[in-house]
Amino acid sequence: MSVLQPGQTAPEFALPAAYDHKVSLSEFRGGNLILIFYPADWSPVCSDELSVFNEILPMLKEFNAQILGISVDGPWCHQAFRQARNIKFPLLSDFEPKGEVARKYGSYREGEGTSERSLYVIDGEGIIRWSYLSPLGVNPGADGVLDALESLSHAEVSR
């Protein structure tokens, strides 16, 4: 499986951030968005990965960027995980139909029934500007995302 590539339009979605609240991609038009697909709440690598992005939230404001985390865990699991880890950005539940959005982004692991560990930077017009598929056991960190946002901001300035 390969993740969607830069230049492609990001597939629309609406996923629960809680049992009574859905979040859609279109809500983020006009700003940059980082999508983090990750295998599972509570796994050590996922916890580390999301903590890194939690730490750089103030830097992302400079790039007019927000973050959404997506996994196949349910909304109650996400709520407990966010509270325990003090995660300050929404975690969306791709629970039912299981992995539907991850499949659209080429970020679903059929054998395990989880999301891949992948990252996307999407611009304000809904175009994928950077994507990365990380090995499952490796925290990709935020350097690639920050480099992509930096390039995107330079491109916007030169327009």
Foldseek 3Di string as FASTA:
>chain_A
DDFDFFQDFQDWDWFDLAPVDIDIPLVQAPAKEKEWFAFDQPDPLVLVLLVLVQVCVVVVVVLRYAYEYEKQDDNVSQVVSCVVSVRDHGYGHCNVVQCPSLVSRVFADVVVSMGFGKMFMAGNHRTTQHMDTDHNVDNPHCPVVVVSSVVVVVVVVVD
